């Protein structure tokens, strides 16, 4: 499944994004989803750092879009 969140500027860098993304994992697993993919602009290093800090890996980039993947239910 592709994940997407938006965090208001005043709440960025306070853990809200990580909390939201992590909260989606258990319901996704319960519905048979085994991995998340996140698409973002390669210049958005803040999003990239956030995703990597919560286990997203395998960065690829094509057509101006970067992607990171997180297998769910591991560890």
C-alpha atoms as a PDB file:
ATOM      1  CA  UNK A   1       0.000   0.000   0.000  1.00  0.00           C
ATOM      2  CA  UNK A   2       1.136   3.537  -0.627  1.00  0.00           C
ATOM      3  CA  UNK A   3       1.128   5.732   2.465  1.00  0.00           C
ATOM      4  CA  UNK A   4       0.626   9.480   2.537  1.00  0.00           C
ATOM      5  CA  UNK A   5       0.353  11.959   5.367  1.00  0.00           C
ATOM      6  CA  UNK A   6       0.395  15.714   5.721  1.00  0.00           C
ATOM      7  CA  UNK A   7       1.625  17.438   8.856  1.00  0.00           C
ATOM      8  CA  UNK A   8       0.857  21.124   9.407  1.00  0.00           C
ATOM      9  CA  UNK A   9       4.022  23.238   9.445  1.00  0.00           C
ATOM     10  CA  UNK A  10       3.644  24.156  13.131  1.00  0.00           C
ATOM     11  CA  UNK A  11       3.680  20.433  14.051  1.00  0.00           C
ATOM     12  CA  UNK A  12       6.622  19.306  11.896  1.00  0.00           C
ATOM     13  CA  UNK A  13       9.744  17.919  13.563  1.00  0.00           C
ATOM     14  CA  UNK A  14       7.781  16.993  16.695  1.00  0.00           C
ATOM     15  CA  UNK A  15       7.244  13.304  15.980  1.00  0.00           C
ATOM     16  CA  UNK A  16       3.746  13.648  14.567  1.00  0.00           C
ATOM     17  CA  UNK A  17       4.631  12.208  11.156  1.00  0.00           C
ATOM     18  CA  UNK A  18       6.376   9.179  12.624  1.00  0.00           C
ATOM     19  CA  UNK A  19       3.505   8.581  15.039  1.00  0.00           C
ATOM     20  CA  UNK A  20       0.933   8.726  12.232  1.00  0.00           C
ATOM     21  CA  UNK A  21       2.883   6.401   9.948  1.00  0.00           C
ATOM     22  CA  UNK A  22       3.590   3.889  12.710  1.00  0.00           C
ATOM     23  CA  UNK A  23      -0.075   3.940  13.765  1.00  0.00           C
ATOM     24  CA  UNK A  24      -1.077   2.800  10.265  1.00  0.00           C
ATOM     25  CA  UNK A  25       0.984  -0.386  10.433  1.00  0.00           C
ATOM     26  CA  UNK A  26      -1.155  -2.611  12.702  1.00  0.00           C
ATOM     27  CA  UNK A  27      -4.421  -1.897  10.858  1.00  0.00           C
ATOM     28  CA  UNK A  28      -2.652  -2.482   7.539  1.00  0.00           C
ATOM     29  CA  UNK A  29      -1.333  -5.854   8.698  1.00  0.00           C
ATOM     30  CA  UNK A  30      -4.798  -6.762   9.977  1.00  0.00           C
ATOM     31  CA  UNK A  31      -6.127  -6.138   6.467  1.00  0.00           C
ATOM     32  CA  UNK A  32      -3.475  -8.227   4.733  1.00  0.00           C
ATOM     33  CA  UNK A  33      -1.137  -5.431   3.680  1.00  0.00           C
ATOM     34  CA  UNK A  34       2.475  -6.575   3.965  1.00  0.00           C
ATOM     35  CA  UNK A  35       4.445  -3.492   2.968  1.00  0.00           C
ATOM     36  CA  UNK A  36       4.198   0.258   2.641  1.00  0.00           C
ATOM     37  CA  UNK A  37       5.728   2.392  -0.059  1.00  0.00           C
ATOM     38  CA  UNK A  38       6.229   6.113   0.302  1.00  0.00           C
ATOM     39  CA  UNK A  39       6.709   8.415  -2.684  1.00  0.00           C
ATOM     40  CA  UNK A  40       8.203  11.871  -2.252  1.00  0.00           C
ATOM     41  CA  UNK A  41      10.266  14.489  -4.031  1.00  0.00           C
ATOM     42  CA  UNK A  42      13.982  13.622  -3.888  1.00  0.00           C
ATOM     43  CA  UNK A  43      14.723  17.155  -2.657  1.00  0.00           C
ATOM     44  CA  UNK A  44      12.566  16.576   0.450  1.00  0.00           C
ATOM     45  CA  UNK A  45      15.369  15.378   2.704  1.00  0.00           C
ATOM     46  CA  UNK A  46      13.270  15.897   5.837  1.00  0.00           C
ATOM     47  CA  UNK A  47      10.722  13.327   4.692  1.00  0.00           C
ATOM     48  CA  UNK A  48      13.489  10.985   3.618  1.00  0.00           C
ATOM     49  CA  UNK A  49      15.147  11.177   7.060  1.00  0.00           C
ATOM     50  CA  UNK A  50      11.797  10.620   8.777  1.00  0.00           C
ATOM     51  CA  UNK A  51      10.998   7.550   6.692  1.00  0.00           C
ATOM     52  CA  UNK A  52      14.457   6.066   7.155  1.00  0.00           C
ATOM     53  CA  UNK A  53      14.288   6.642  10.912  1.00  0.00           C
ATOM     54  CA  UNK A  54      11.230   4.382  11.150  1.00  0.00           C
ATOM     55  CA  UNK A  55      12.515   1.586   8.949  1.00  0.00           C
ATOM     56  CA  UNK A  56      11.895   2.543   5.331  1.00  0.00           C
ATOM     57  CA  UNK A  57      14.736   1.425   3.048  1.00  0.00           C
ATOM     58  CA  UNK A  58      15.634   0.642  -0.553  1.00  0.00           C
ATOM     59  CA  UNK A  59      15.489   4.153  -1.964  1.00  0.00           C
ATOM     60  CA  UNK A  60      14.851   4.319  -5.668  1.00  0.00           C
ATOM     61  CA  UNK A  61      14.204   7.317  -7.885  1.00  0.00           C
ATOM     62  CA  UNK A  62      12.581   7.598 -11.292  1.00  0.00           C
ATOM     63  CA  UNK A  63      10.857  10.372 -13.198  1.00  0.00           C
ATOM     64  CA  UNK A  64      11.554  12.918 -10.451  1.00  0.00           C
ATOM     65  CA  UNK A  65       9.998  10.825  -7.656  1.00  0.00           C
ATOM     66  CA  UNK A  66      11.854   8.965  -4.909  1.00  0.00           C
ATOM     67  CA  UNK A  67      10.441   5.867  -3.233  1.00  0.00           C
ATOM     68  CA  UNK A  68      11.203   4.100   0.031  1.00  0.00           C
ATOM     69  CA  UNK A  69       9.681   0.772   1.108  1.00  0.00           C
ATOM     70  CA  UNK A  70       8.904  -0.714   4.517  1.00  0.00           C
ATOM     71  CA  UNK A  71       8.006  -4.388   4.940  1.00  0.00           C
ATOM     72  CA  UNK A  72       5.442  -4.683   7.742  1.00  0.00           C
ATOM     73  CA  UNK A  73       5.408  -7.178  10.570  1.00  0.00           C
ATOM     74  CA  UNK A  74       9.164  -7.705  10.751  1.00  0.00           C
ATOM     75  CA  UNK A  75      11.073  -7.475  13.984  1.00  0.00           C
END
